[in-house]
Amino acid sequence: MKNKITFLFLLTILSVKLIGQNTAILPKKIDFNKIPKEIKYTGKVKNAVSWKDKLGENIVVLTETGEFTTKNSDSEDSRDAALYAYHYILSGKDSKLNWKIYDFIHDCPVEIEANFVKNTFNITDLNKDGITEIWVMYTTVCHGDVSPSTMKIIMHEGNEKFSMRGENRVQVGEKQYIGGKHTFDKPFKDGPAAFREYAKKLWQKHVNKVWE
C-alpha cells in the first residue's frame, strides 16, 4: 500500500512538471477561402493562422503582391512588388486590426524581390507571459547584379514592435561571401535576452541566399 501511494505521488509530480513545461503554441492553419470576411487584406495569401492567448482569438495573414507594372513610370520595364502582414484580434463577430506590416520595392527596372523567407513565420511565448510573440522574416531588393538583399525580422508582442535589420549573405566565390550583417533596434536591445537569442538563431539559419 505504501509503495502504491509513493508511486501515485511521484506520478502526480511528474505530470505537473510536464504540464508546466508545455509552452508550445499550436496555431491552426486557415485556408485562404475560409478567412473571415471581416479580415481585410491586399495581395495573395501566403499564410494564414489563428490561435488564442491572453489577448483573445488571434488571426495573422501574410500576403505578397508579386511583381506588377509601375504606374506613371518613365520606363516600360519598371515594376513594383509589396508584402503585407496583418494581425487581427477577434471578439465575437467584431475584429480589430492590432498591427500591420507593409514593405515594398517601387519603380524597379531590374530584378525585384519582396518576399517572406520560407519556413520562418512562427508564434512563441518565450517570456511565458501569456501574450504571444509573432515572428515575420522577409527580404526586399531591386538589383541587377549578385549582391545581398535587405533582410528583416519583425516581431510583435501585443502592440510592441521589435526589429532586426540587415542583409542576407551571398556567395561570390568558392570561399568568398558578402553581406550577412545585422543590427537590433532599441526594443530588442532593451527586451528579454530570450528574444534576441531566438532572433539571432533565426537569422543565422536563413542568412545565406538560396538561389531558386
N, C-alpha and C. Protein backbone atom coordinates (compact mmCIF):
# COMPACT_ATOMS: atom_id res chain seq x y z
N MET A 1 0.84 -1.21 0.00
CA MET A 1 0.00 0.00 0.00
C MET A 1 0.87 1.25 0.00
N LYS A 2 1.92 1.23 0.85
CA LYS A 2 2.83 2.37 0.93
C LYS A 2 3.51 2.64 -0.41
N ASN A 3 3.96 1.56 -1.07
CA ASN A 3 4.61 1.71 -2.37
C ASN A 3 3.67 2.28 -3.42
N LYS A 4 2.39 1.88 -3.35
CA LYS A 4 1.39 2.37 -4.29
C LYS A 4 1.17 3.86 -4.12
N ILE A 5 1.07 4.30 -2.86
CA ILE A 5 0.88 5.74 -2.58
C ILE A 5 2.08 6.54 -3.06
N THR A 6 3.29 6.01 -2.81
CA THR A 6 4.52 6.70 -3.25
C THR A 6 4.55 6.81 -4.77
N PHE A 7 4.17 5.75 -5.48
CA PHE A 7 4.13 5.75 -6.94
C PHE A 7 3.16 6.80 -7.47
N LEU A 8 1.96 6.84 -6.87
CA LEU A 8 0.96 7.82 -7.32
C LEU A 8 1.43 9.24 -7.06
N PHE A 9 2.11 9.46 -5.95
CA PHE A 9 2.63 10.80 -5.62
C PHE A 9 3.66 11.23 -6.65
N LEU A 10 4.60 10.34 -6.97
CA LEU A 10 5.64 10.66 -7.96
C LEU A 10 5.04 10.89 -9.34
N LEU A 11 4.02 10.10 -9.70
CA LEU A 11 3.37 10.26 -10.99
C LEU A 11 2.68 11.62 -11.08
N THR A 12 2.06 12.06 -9.98
CA THR A 12 1.40 13.37 -9.95
C THR A 12 2.41 14.49 -10.12
N ILE A 13 3.54 14.40 -9.41
CA ILE A 13 4.59 15.42 -9.52
C ILE A 13 5.12 15.51 -10.94
N LEU A 14 5.37 14.34 -11.56
CA LEU A 14 5.88 14.30 -12.93
C LEU A 14 4.90 14.92 -13.89
N SER A 15 3.61 14.62 -13.71
CA SER A 15 2.58 15.16 -14.61
C SER A 15 2.52 16.67 -14.51
N VAL A 16 2.58 17.22 -13.29
CA VAL A 16 2.56 18.67 -13.10
C VAL A 16 3.76 19.31 -13.75
N LYS A 17 4.93 18.69 -13.61
CA LYS A 17 6.15 19.23 -14.20
C LYS A 17 6.05 19.29 -15.72
N LEU A 18 5.55 18.22 -16.34
CA LEU A 18 5.43 18.17 -17.79
C LEU A 18 4.44 19.22 -18.30
N ILE A 19 3.32 19.38 -17.58
CA ILE A 19 2.34 20.37 -17.98
C ILE A 19 2.94 21.77 -17.88
N GLY A 20 3.70 22.01 -16.83
CA GLY A 20 4.32 23.32 -16.64
C GLY A 20 5.33 23.65 -17.71
N GLN A 21 5.96 22.62 -18.29
CA GLN A 21 6.98 22.85 -19.32
C GLN A 21 6.39 22.97 -20.72
N ASN A 22 5.11 22.69 -20.86
CA ASN A 22 4.49 22.70 -22.17
C ASN A 22 4.09 24.11 -22.57
N THR A 23 5.01 24.83 -23.23
CA THR A 23 4.76 26.22 -23.62
C THR A 23 4.58 26.36 -25.13
N ALA A 24 4.42 25.24 -25.83
CA ALA A 24 4.28 25.29 -27.29
C ALA A 24 2.98 25.98 -27.68
N ILE A 25 3.06 26.80 -28.71
CA ILE A 25 1.89 27.46 -29.27
C ILE A 25 1.52 26.70 -30.55
N LEU A 26 0.29 26.24 -30.63
CA LEU A 26 -0.13 25.43 -31.77
C LEU A 26 -1.21 26.16 -32.56
N PRO A 27 -0.80 27.06 -33.47
CA PRO A 27 -1.80 27.78 -34.28
C PRO A 27 -2.46 26.85 -35.30
N LYS A 28 -3.66 27.20 -35.68
CA LYS A 28 -4.39 26.45 -36.69
C LYS A 28 -4.27 27.15 -38.04
N LYS A 29 -3.91 26.42 -39.05
CA LYS A 29 -3.80 26.99 -40.39
C LYS A 29 -5.20 27.23 -40.95
N ILE A 30 -5.37 28.37 -41.62
CA ILE A 30 -6.66 28.73 -42.21
C ILE A 30 -6.53 28.71 -43.73
N ASP A 31 -7.41 27.99 -44.39
CA ASP A 31 -7.45 28.03 -45.86
C ASP A 31 -7.84 29.45 -46.29
N PHE A 32 -7.22 29.94 -47.37
CA PHE A 32 -7.45 31.33 -47.77
C PHE A 32 -8.92 31.61 -48.05
N ASN A 33 -9.66 30.60 -48.52
CA ASN A 33 -11.08 30.82 -48.82
C ASN A 33 -11.97 30.72 -47.58
N LYS A 34 -11.36 30.46 -46.42
CA LYS A 34 -12.12 30.39 -45.18
C LYS A 34 -11.72 31.49 -44.19
N ILE A 35 -10.93 32.45 -44.67
CA ILE A 35 -10.59 33.60 -43.83
C ILE A 35 -11.86 34.42 -43.60
N PRO A 36 -12.18 34.78 -42.36
CA PRO A 36 -13.41 35.54 -42.10
C PRO A 36 -13.51 36.79 -42.96
N LYS A 37 -14.71 37.11 -43.42
CA LYS A 37 -14.92 38.23 -44.33
C LYS A 37 -14.52 39.56 -43.72
N GLU A 38 -14.57 39.66 -42.39
CA GLU A 38 -14.21 40.94 -41.76
C GLU A 38 -12.70 41.18 -41.75
N ILE A 39 -11.90 40.16 -42.13
CA ILE A 39 -10.45 40.30 -42.22
C ILE A 39 -10.11 40.86 -43.60
N LYS A 40 -9.64 42.09 -43.65
CA LYS A 40 -9.32 42.74 -44.92
C LYS A 40 -7.82 42.66 -45.19
N TYR A 41 -7.46 42.39 -46.43
CA TYR A 41 -6.05 42.30 -46.78
C TYR A 41 -5.85 42.59 -48.26
N THR A 42 -4.61 42.86 -48.63
CA THR A 42 -4.21 43.11 -50.01
C THR A 42 -3.18 42.08 -50.42
N GLY A 43 -3.26 41.59 -51.67
CA GLY A 43 -2.27 40.65 -52.18
C GLY A 43 -2.73 39.21 -52.10
N LYS A 44 -1.84 38.31 -52.47
CA LYS A 44 -2.10 36.89 -52.47
C LYS A 44 -1.69 36.28 -51.13
N VAL A 45 -2.58 35.52 -50.53
CA VAL A 45 -2.30 34.95 -49.21
C VAL A 45 -1.19 33.90 -49.30
N LYS A 46 -0.15 34.09 -48.48
CA LYS A 46 0.94 33.12 -48.39
C LYS A 46 0.81 32.26 -47.14
N ASN A 47 0.18 32.82 -46.11
CA ASN A 47 -0.02 32.08 -44.87
C ASN A 47 -1.13 32.75 -44.08
N ALA A 48 -1.92 31.96 -43.38
CA ALA A 48 -2.97 32.49 -42.51
C ALA A 48 -3.19 31.50 -41.38
N VAL A 49 -3.11 31.99 -40.14
CA VAL A 49 -3.25 31.11 -38.98
C VAL A 49 -4.07 31.80 -37.89
N SER A 50 -4.59 30.98 -36.97
CA SER A 50 -5.32 31.51 -35.81
C SER A 50 -4.89 30.77 -34.56
N TRP A 51 -5.00 31.44 -33.41
CA TRP A 51 -4.67 30.83 -32.12
C TRP A 51 -5.24 31.73 -31.02
N LYS A 52 -5.16 31.26 -29.79
CA LYS A 52 -5.68 32.03 -28.66
C LYS A 52 -4.58 32.27 -27.63
N ASP A 53 -4.59 33.47 -27.04
CA ASP A 53 -3.72 33.80 -25.91
C ASP A 53 -4.46 34.79 -25.01
N LYS A 54 -3.74 35.52 -24.16
CA LYS A 54 -4.39 36.46 -23.25
C LYS A 54 -5.13 37.58 -23.97
N LEU A 55 -4.70 37.89 -25.19
CA LEU A 55 -5.35 38.96 -25.94
C LEU A 55 -6.69 38.52 -26.52
N GLY A 56 -6.89 37.20 -26.63
CA GLY A 56 -8.12 36.67 -27.20
C GLY A 56 -7.83 35.77 -28.39
N GLU A 57 -8.74 35.75 -29.34
CA GLU A 57 -8.54 34.96 -30.55
C GLU A 57 -7.78 35.79 -31.58
N ASN A 58 -6.65 35.28 -32.03
CA ASN A 58 -5.76 35.99 -32.95
C ASN A 58 -5.81 35.38 -34.34
N ILE A 59 -5.71 36.24 -35.34
CA ILE A 59 -5.54 35.79 -36.72
C ILE A 59 -4.42 36.62 -37.35
N VAL A 60 -3.46 35.93 -37.98
CA VAL A 60 -2.41 36.60 -38.74
C VAL A 60 -2.49 36.15 -40.19
N VAL A 61 -2.43 37.11 -41.10
CA VAL A 61 -2.46 36.82 -42.53
C VAL A 61 -1.23 37.46 -43.18
N LEU A 62 -0.46 36.67 -43.91
CA LEU A 62 0.70 37.16 -44.67
C LEU A 62 0.37 37.13 -46.15
N THR A 63 0.65 38.22 -46.85
CA THR A 63 0.35 38.29 -48.29
C THR A 63 1.50 38.90 -49.06
N GLU A 64 1.59 38.54 -50.33
CA GLU A 64 2.53 39.15 -51.27
C GLU A 64 1.78 39.55 -52.53
N THR A 65 2.18 40.65 -53.15
CA THR A 65 1.53 41.06 -54.39
C THR A 65 2.15 40.41 -55.61
N GLY A 66 3.44 40.02 -55.49
CA GLY A 66 4.17 39.62 -56.67
C GLY A 66 4.52 40.87 -57.48
N GLU A 67 5.15 40.69 -58.63
CA GLU A 67 5.55 41.83 -59.46
C GLU A 67 4.35 42.39 -60.22
N PHE A 68 4.30 43.72 -60.33
CA PHE A 68 3.29 44.35 -61.18
C PHE A 68 3.85 45.65 -61.73
N THR A 69 3.33 46.08 -62.88
CA THR A 69 3.86 47.23 -63.59
C THR A 69 3.69 48.52 -62.79
N THR A 70 4.77 49.30 -62.72
CA THR A 70 4.72 50.58 -62.03
C THR A 70 3.87 51.57 -62.81
N LYS A 71 2.96 52.22 -62.13
CA LYS A 71 2.11 53.22 -62.79
C LYS A 71 2.88 54.54 -62.97
N ASN A 72 2.65 55.19 -64.09
CA ASN A 72 3.21 56.53 -64.37
C ASN A 72 4.74 56.55 -64.28
N SER A 73 5.38 55.47 -64.72
CA SER A 73 6.84 55.41 -64.72
C SER A 73 7.38 55.82 -66.08
N ASP A 74 8.59 56.36 -66.10
CA ASP A 74 9.24 56.73 -67.35
C ASP A 74 9.76 55.51 -68.10
N SER A 75 9.86 54.39 -67.39
CA SER A 75 10.39 53.17 -68.01
C SER A 75 9.28 52.12 -68.13
N GLU A 76 9.20 51.51 -69.30
CA GLU A 76 8.21 50.45 -69.51
C GLU A 76 8.56 49.18 -68.73
N ASP A 77 9.83 49.07 -68.32
CA ASP A 77 10.28 47.86 -67.62
C ASP A 77 10.12 47.97 -66.11
N SER A 78 9.73 49.12 -65.61
CA SER A 78 9.66 49.31 -64.16
C SER A 78 8.51 48.53 -63.53
N ARG A 79 8.81 47.91 -62.41
CA ARG A 79 7.81 47.11 -61.70
C ARG A 79 7.84 47.41 -60.21
N ASP A 80 6.76 47.09 -59.56
CA ASP A 80 6.64 47.20 -58.11
C ASP A 80 6.39 45.81 -57.53
N ALA A 81 6.63 45.69 -56.24
CA ALA A 81 6.27 44.48 -55.51
C ALA A 81 6.13 44.87 -54.04
N ALA A 82 5.20 44.22 -53.35
CA ALA A 82 4.96 44.56 -51.95
C ALA A 82 4.58 43.32 -51.16
N LEU A 83 4.72 43.43 -49.87
CA LEU A 83 4.26 42.37 -48.97
C LEU A 83 3.57 43.00 -47.77
N TYR A 84 2.68 42.23 -47.16
CA TYR A 84 1.89 42.71 -46.02
C TYR A 84 1.79 41.60 -44.97
N ALA A 85 1.70 42.02 -43.72
CA ALA A 85 1.34 41.11 -42.64
C ALA A 85 0.31 41.81 -41.77
N TYR A 86 -0.76 41.11 -41.42
CA TYR A 86 -1.86 41.69 -40.65
C TYR A 86 -2.09 40.85 -39.39
N HIS A 87 -2.27 41.52 -38.27
CA HIS A 87 -2.64 40.83 -37.04
C HIS A 87 -3.99 41.37 -36.56
N TYR A 88 -4.98 40.50 -36.57
CA TYR A 88 -6.31 40.85 -36.09
C TYR A 88 -6.61 40.13 -34.78
N ILE A 89 -7.35 40.80 -33.91
CA ILE A 89 -7.86 40.19 -32.69
C ILE A 89 -9.37 40.16 -32.80
N LEU A 90 -9.94 38.97 -32.63
CA LEU A 90 -11.38 38.79 -32.80
C LEU A 90 -12.08 38.73 -31.44
N SER A 91 -13.24 39.35 -31.38
CA SER A 91 -14.10 39.28 -30.20
C SER A 91 -15.53 39.13 -30.69
N GLY A 92 -16.04 37.90 -30.60
CA GLY A 92 -17.36 37.64 -31.16
C GLY A 92 -17.34 37.82 -32.66
N LYS A 93 -18.22 38.69 -33.16
CA LYS A 93 -18.27 38.98 -34.59
C LYS A 93 -17.45 40.21 -34.95
N ASP A 94 -16.83 40.83 -33.96
CA ASP A 94 -16.03 42.03 -34.20
C ASP A 94 -14.56 41.66 -34.38
N SER A 95 -13.86 42.42 -35.20
CA SER A 95 -12.43 42.21 -35.40
C SER A 95 -11.71 43.56 -35.33
N LYS A 96 -10.52 43.53 -34.74
CA LYS A 96 -9.73 44.75 -34.60
C LYS A 96 -8.34 44.50 -35.15
N LEU A 97 -7.89 45.39 -36.04
CA LEU A 97 -6.54 45.29 -36.57
C LEU A 97 -5.57 45.79 -35.51
N ASN A 98 -4.75 44.90 -35.00
CA ASN A 98 -3.81 45.27 -33.94
C ASN A 98 -2.54 45.89 -34.51
N TRP A 99 -2.03 45.34 -35.62
CA TRP A 99 -0.89 45.95 -36.31
C TRP A 99 -0.84 45.44 -37.75
N LYS A 100 -0.09 46.16 -38.57
CA LYS A 100 0.11 45.78 -39.98
C LYS A 100 1.54 46.07 -40.37
N ILE A 101 2.14 45.16 -41.12
CA ILE A 101 3.45 45.38 -41.73
C ILE A 101 3.24 45.60 -43.22
N TYR A 102 3.89 46.62 -43.75
CA TYR A 102 3.84 46.88 -45.19
C TYR A 102 5.23 47.27 -45.64
N ASP A 103 5.78 46.54 -46.59
CA ASP A 103 7.09 46.88 -47.15
C ASP A 103 7.02 46.65 -48.65
N PHE A 104 7.89 47.34 -49.40
CA PHE A 104 7.73 47.31 -50.85
C PHE A 104 9.00 47.73 -51.56
N ILE A 105 9.04 47.42 -52.85
CA ILE A 105 10.02 47.95 -53.80
C ILE A 105 9.23 48.67 -54.89
N HIS A 106 9.68 49.87 -55.24
CA HIS A 106 8.94 50.69 -56.21
C HIS A 106 9.82 51.09 -57.38
N ASP A 107 9.23 51.04 -58.58
CA ASP A 107 9.86 51.56 -59.80
C ASP A 107 11.22 50.89 -60.05
N CYS A 108 11.20 49.58 -60.14
CA CYS A 108 12.44 48.80 -60.32
C CYS A 108 12.50 48.23 -61.73
N PRO A 109 13.54 48.57 -62.51
CA PRO A 109 13.66 48.07 -63.89
C PRO A 109 14.45 46.77 -64.02
N VAL A 110 15.01 46.29 -62.89
CA VAL A 110 15.83 45.07 -62.94
C VAL A 110 15.19 44.01 -62.05
N GLU A 111 16.00 43.14 -61.43
CA GLU A 111 15.45 42.08 -60.59
C GLU A 111 14.80 42.68 -59.35
N ILE A 112 13.61 42.22 -59.03
CA ILE A 112 12.84 42.78 -57.93
C ILE A 112 12.41 41.65 -56.98
N GLU A 113 12.37 41.98 -55.71
CA GLU A 113 12.03 40.97 -54.72
C GLU A 113 11.36 41.62 -53.52
N ALA A 114 10.26 41.05 -53.09
CA ALA A 114 9.59 41.44 -51.84
C ALA A 114 8.86 40.20 -51.37
N ASN A 115 9.60 39.36 -50.64
CA ASN A 115 9.09 38.03 -50.31
C ASN A 115 9.38 37.65 -48.86
N PHE A 116 8.47 36.90 -48.27
CA PHE A 116 8.72 36.33 -46.96
C PHE A 116 9.71 35.17 -47.11
N VAL A 117 10.59 35.02 -46.14
CA VAL A 117 11.54 33.91 -46.15
C VAL A 117 10.78 32.64 -45.73
N LYS A 118 10.92 31.62 -46.53
CA LYS A 118 10.17 30.38 -46.30
C LYS A 118 10.48 29.76 -44.95
N ASN A 119 9.46 29.23 -44.31
CA ASN A 119 9.58 28.47 -43.07
C ASN A 119 10.17 29.29 -41.91
N THR A 120 9.86 30.58 -41.87
CA THR A 120 10.37 31.42 -40.77
C THR A 120 9.25 31.99 -39.91
N PHE A 121 8.03 32.09 -40.44
CA PHE A 121 6.93 32.62 -39.63
C PHE A 121 6.71 31.70 -38.43
N ASN A 122 6.60 32.31 -37.24
CA ASN A 122 6.40 31.49 -36.04
C ASN A 122 5.71 32.30 -34.96
N ILE A 123 5.13 31.58 -34.01
CA ILE A 123 4.47 32.17 -32.86
C ILE A 123 5.05 31.52 -31.62
N THR A 124 5.52 32.33 -30.67
CA THR A 124 6.16 31.81 -29.47
C THR A 124 5.62 32.54 -28.24
N ASP A 125 6.00 32.03 -27.08
CA ASP A 125 5.79 32.75 -25.82
C ASP A 125 7.05 32.54 -24.98
N LEU A 126 8.13 33.16 -25.43
CA LEU A 126 9.45 32.91 -24.84
C LEU A 126 9.56 33.41 -23.41
N ASN A 127 8.88 34.52 -23.10
CA ASN A 127 8.94 35.04 -21.73
C ASN A 127 7.78 34.53 -20.86
N LYS A 128 6.96 33.65 -21.44
CA LYS A 128 5.90 32.95 -20.71
C LYS A 128 4.96 33.89 -19.94
N ASP A 129 4.55 34.97 -20.64
CA ASP A 129 3.63 35.91 -20.00
C ASP A 129 2.20 35.76 -20.51
N GLY A 130 1.98 34.76 -21.38
CA GLY A 130 0.64 34.52 -21.89
C GLY A 130 0.27 35.34 -23.10
N ILE A 131 1.16 36.28 -23.51
CA ILE A 131 0.96 37.08 -24.73
C ILE A 131 2.00 36.62 -25.74
N THR A 132 1.55 36.14 -26.87
CA THR A 132 2.46 35.51 -27.82
C THR A 132 3.31 36.52 -28.59
N GLU A 133 4.49 36.06 -28.98
CA GLU A 133 5.36 36.82 -29.88
C GLU A 133 5.14 36.30 -31.29
N ILE A 134 4.98 37.22 -32.23
CA ILE A 134 4.69 36.86 -33.62
C ILE A 134 5.90 37.25 -34.48
N TRP A 135 6.50 36.28 -35.15
CA TRP A 135 7.75 36.48 -35.88
C TRP A 135 7.52 36.44 -37.39
N VAL A 136 8.02 37.48 -38.07
CA VAL A 136 7.93 37.58 -39.53
C VAL A 136 9.31 37.92 -40.07
N MET A 137 9.74 37.23 -41.11
CA MET A 137 11.06 37.47 -41.71
C MET A 137 10.90 37.58 -43.22
N TYR A 138 11.55 38.59 -43.82
CA TYR A 138 11.39 38.77 -45.26
C TYR A 138 12.58 39.50 -45.88
N THR A 139 12.64 39.48 -47.21
CA THR A 139 13.69 40.17 -47.96
C THR A 139 13.08 41.08 -49.01
N THR A 140 13.79 42.17 -49.30
CA THR A 140 13.40 43.08 -50.38
C THR A 140 14.67 43.51 -51.11
N VAL A 141 14.55 43.69 -52.43
CA VAL A 141 15.71 44.14 -53.19
C VAL A 141 15.28 44.58 -54.58
N CYS A 142 16.06 45.51 -55.14
CA CYS A 142 16.00 45.88 -56.55
C CYS A 142 17.44 45.96 -57.02
N HIS A 143 17.88 44.96 -57.79
CA HIS A 143 19.28 44.98 -58.24
C HIS A 143 19.43 44.19 -59.54
N GLY A 144 20.53 44.47 -60.21
CA GLY A 144 20.82 43.79 -61.46
C GLY A 144 22.13 43.04 -61.39
N ASP A 145 22.58 42.73 -60.17
CA ASP A 145 23.84 42.03 -60.00
C ASP A 145 23.71 41.01 -58.88
N VAL A 146 24.80 40.33 -58.56
CA VAL A 146 24.82 39.37 -57.47
C VAL A 146 25.23 40.12 -56.20
N SER A 147 24.26 40.62 -55.49
CA SER A 147 24.53 41.37 -54.26
C SER A 147 23.48 41.00 -53.22
N PRO A 148 23.74 41.28 -51.95
CA PRO A 148 22.79 40.90 -50.90
C PRO A 148 21.47 41.65 -51.01
N SER A 149 20.43 41.03 -50.47
CA SER A 149 19.12 41.66 -50.36
C SER A 149 18.96 42.21 -48.94
N THR A 150 18.18 43.25 -48.82
CA THR A 150 17.79 43.72 -47.49
C THR A 150 16.98 42.62 -46.82
N MET A 151 17.30 42.33 -45.57
CA MET A 151 16.57 41.29 -44.84
C MET A 151 16.16 41.82 -43.47
N LYS A 152 14.96 41.49 -43.05
CA LYS A 152 14.44 41.99 -41.78
C LYS A 152 13.72 40.88 -41.03
N ILE A 153 13.84 40.93 -39.71
CA ILE A 153 12.99 40.16 -38.82
C ILE A 153 12.16 41.17 -38.04
N ILE A 154 10.86 41.08 -38.13
CA ILE A 154 9.95 41.93 -37.37
C ILE A 154 9.18 41.03 -36.41
N MET A 155 9.23 41.38 -35.14
CA MET A 155 8.49 40.61 -34.14
C MET A 155 7.58 41.56 -33.37
N HIS A 156 6.36 41.12 -33.13
CA HIS A 156 5.41 41.88 -32.32
C HIS A 156 5.01 41.06 -31.10
N GLU A 157 4.99 41.72 -29.97
CA GLU A 157 4.38 41.15 -28.77
C GLU A 157 3.33 42.15 -28.32
N GLY A 158 2.06 41.79 -28.49
CA GLY A 158 0.99 42.76 -28.24
C GLY A 158 1.12 43.91 -29.21
N ASN A 159 1.24 45.14 -28.68
CA ASN A 159 1.40 46.34 -29.51
C ASN A 159 2.85 46.75 -29.69
N GLU A 160 3.78 46.05 -29.05
CA GLU A 160 5.19 46.44 -29.12
C GLU A 160 5.88 45.77 -30.29
N LYS A 161 6.66 46.56 -31.03
CA LYS A 161 7.36 46.09 -32.22
C LYS A 161 8.85 45.99 -31.96
N PHE A 162 9.46 44.88 -32.41
CA PHE A 162 10.89 44.64 -32.31
C PHE A 162 11.43 44.40 -33.73
N SER A 163 12.53 45.05 -34.08
CA SER A 163 13.06 44.95 -35.45
C SER A 163 14.53 44.56 -35.46
N MET A 164 14.87 43.66 -36.35
CA MET A 164 16.25 43.25 -36.61
C MET A 164 16.47 43.45 -38.10
N ARG A 165 17.41 44.30 -38.46
CA ARG A 165 17.58 44.67 -39.87
C ARG A 165 19.01 44.43 -40.33
N GLY A 166 19.14 44.07 -41.60
CA GLY A 166 20.47 43.85 -42.16
C GLY A 166 20.35 43.39 -43.60
N GLU A 167 21.18 42.42 -43.98
CA GLU A 167 21.15 41.89 -45.33
C GLU A 167 21.54 40.41 -45.32
N ASN A 168 21.04 39.68 -46.29
CA ASN A 168 21.42 38.27 -46.35
C ASN A 168 22.84 38.14 -46.89
N ARG A 169 23.35 36.91 -46.90
CA ARG A 169 24.73 36.66 -47.29
C ARG A 169 24.75 35.94 -48.63
N VAL A 170 25.58 36.43 -49.53
CA VAL A 170 25.65 35.89 -50.90
C VAL A 170 27.05 35.35 -51.16
N GLN A 171 27.12 34.16 -51.75
CA GLN A 171 28.41 33.59 -52.11
C GLN A 171 28.84 34.13 -53.46
N VAL A 172 30.02 34.75 -53.50
CA VAL A 172 30.53 35.35 -54.73
C VAL A 172 31.79 34.66 -55.23
N GLY A 173 32.29 33.70 -54.49
CA GLY A 173 33.47 32.93 -54.87
C GLY A 173 33.45 31.60 -54.16
N GLU A 174 34.46 30.78 -54.45
CA GLU A 174 34.47 29.44 -53.86
C GLU A 174 34.40 29.49 -52.33
N LYS A 175 35.12 30.43 -51.73
CA LYS A 175 35.10 30.59 -50.28
C LYS A 175 34.89 32.05 -49.88
N GLN A 176 34.25 32.78 -50.76
CA GLN A 176 34.08 34.22 -50.52
C GLN A 176 32.59 34.57 -50.45
N TYR A 177 32.23 35.32 -49.40
CA TYR A 177 30.85 35.74 -49.19
C TYR A 177 30.81 37.24 -48.92
N ILE A 178 29.69 37.85 -49.26
CA ILE A 178 29.46 39.24 -48.89
C ILE A 178 28.09 39.34 -48.22
N GLY A 179 27.96 40.33 -47.32
CA GLY A 179 26.69 40.53 -46.63
C GLY A 179 26.61 39.73 -45.34
N GLY A 180 25.41 39.72 -44.78
CA GLY A 180 25.15 38.92 -43.59
C GLY A 180 25.06 39.70 -42.30
N LYS A 181 25.42 40.99 -42.31
CA LYS A 181 25.41 41.77 -41.08
C LYS A 181 23.99 42.14 -40.67
N HIS A 182 23.82 42.44 -39.38
CA HIS A 182 22.51 42.82 -38.87
C HIS A 182 22.65 43.73 -37.65
N THR A 183 21.59 44.43 -37.33
CA THR A 183 21.54 45.27 -36.13
C THR A 183 20.18 45.09 -35.47
N PHE A 184 20.17 45.23 -34.14
CA PHE A 184 18.93 45.22 -33.37
C PHE A 184 18.47 46.65 -33.09
N ASP A 185 17.16 46.87 -33.09
CA ASP A 185 16.65 48.17 -32.67
C ASP A 185 16.61 48.23 -31.15
N LYS A 186 16.23 49.39 -30.59
CA LYS A 186 16.26 49.60 -29.14
C LYS A 186 15.34 48.64 -28.38
N PRO A 187 14.09 48.40 -28.84
CA PRO A 187 13.26 47.45 -28.11
C PRO A 187 13.89 46.06 -27.98
N PHE A 188 14.55 45.60 -29.06
CA PHE A 188 15.24 44.31 -28.97
C PHE A 188 16.39 44.37 -27.97
N LYS A 189 17.18 45.45 -28.03
CA LYS A 189 18.33 45.58 -27.13
C LYS A 189 17.89 45.65 -25.67
N ASP A 190 16.77 46.33 -25.43
CA ASP A 190 16.29 46.51 -24.06
C ASP A 190 15.39 45.38 -23.58
N GLY A 191 14.95 44.55 -24.50
CA GLY A 191 13.99 43.50 -24.17
C GLY A 191 14.64 42.25 -23.60
N PRO A 192 13.86 41.21 -23.35
CA PRO A 192 14.38 39.96 -22.80
C PRO A 192 15.47 39.35 -23.68
N ALA A 193 16.48 38.78 -23.05
CA ALA A 193 17.57 38.14 -23.79
C ALA A 193 17.05 37.00 -24.66
N ALA A 194 15.99 36.34 -24.21
CA ALA A 194 15.42 35.22 -24.97
C ALA A 194 14.94 35.67 -26.35
N PHE A 195 14.46 36.92 -26.46
CA PHE A 195 14.02 37.44 -27.76
C PHE A 195 15.21 37.56 -28.70
N ARG A 196 16.30 38.15 -28.21
CA ARG A 196 17.48 38.34 -29.06
C ARG A 196 18.09 37.00 -29.46
N GLU A 197 18.13 36.05 -28.53
CA GLU A 197 18.70 34.74 -28.84
C GLU A 197 17.90 34.03 -29.92
N TYR A 198 16.58 34.10 -29.81
CA TYR A 198 15.74 33.47 -30.83
C TYR A 198 15.95 34.15 -32.18
N ALA A 199 16.00 35.48 -32.19
CA ALA A 199 16.18 36.23 -33.44
C ALA A 199 17.52 35.89 -34.09
N LYS A 200 18.58 35.81 -33.30
CA LYS A 200 19.90 35.51 -33.84
C LYS A 200 19.94 34.10 -34.45
N LYS A 201 19.30 33.15 -33.80
CA LYS A 201 19.27 31.78 -34.33
C LYS A 201 18.48 31.74 -35.64
N LEU A 202 17.37 32.47 -35.67
CA LEU A 202 16.56 32.52 -36.90
C LEU A 202 17.35 33.16 -38.03
N TRP A 203 18.07 34.23 -37.72
CA TRP A 203 18.88 34.93 -38.71
C TRP A 203 19.97 34.01 -39.27
N GLN A 204 20.72 33.37 -38.39
CA GLN A 204 21.82 32.51 -38.82
C GLN A 204 21.33 31.33 -39.66
N LYS A 205 20.15 30.83 -39.34
CA LYS A 205 19.62 29.68 -40.08
C LYS A 205 19.25 30.04 -41.51
N HIS A 206 18.88 31.32 -41.73
CA HIS A 206 18.37 31.71 -43.05
C HIS A 206 19.18 32.84 -43.69
N VAL A 207 20.36 33.14 -43.18
CA VAL A 207 21.12 34.28 -43.69
C VAL A 207 21.66 34.05 -45.09
N ASN A 208 21.97 32.82 -45.45
CA ASN A 208 22.54 32.55 -46.77
C ASN A 208 21.47 32.61 -47.86
N LYS A 209 21.78 33.33 -48.92
CA LYS A 209 20.88 33.44 -50.05
C LYS A 209 20.71 32.08 -50.72
N VAL A 210 19.45 31.68 -50.91
CA VAL A 210 19.16 30.41 -51.60
C VAL A 210 18.67 30.76 -53.00
N TRP A 211 19.44 30.35 -54.01
CA TRP A 211 19.07 30.65 -55.40
C TRP A 211 18.06 29.62 -55.88
N GLU A 212 17.01 30.09 -56.48
CA GLU A 212 15.95 29.20 -56.97
C GLU A 212 15.94 29.16 -58.49
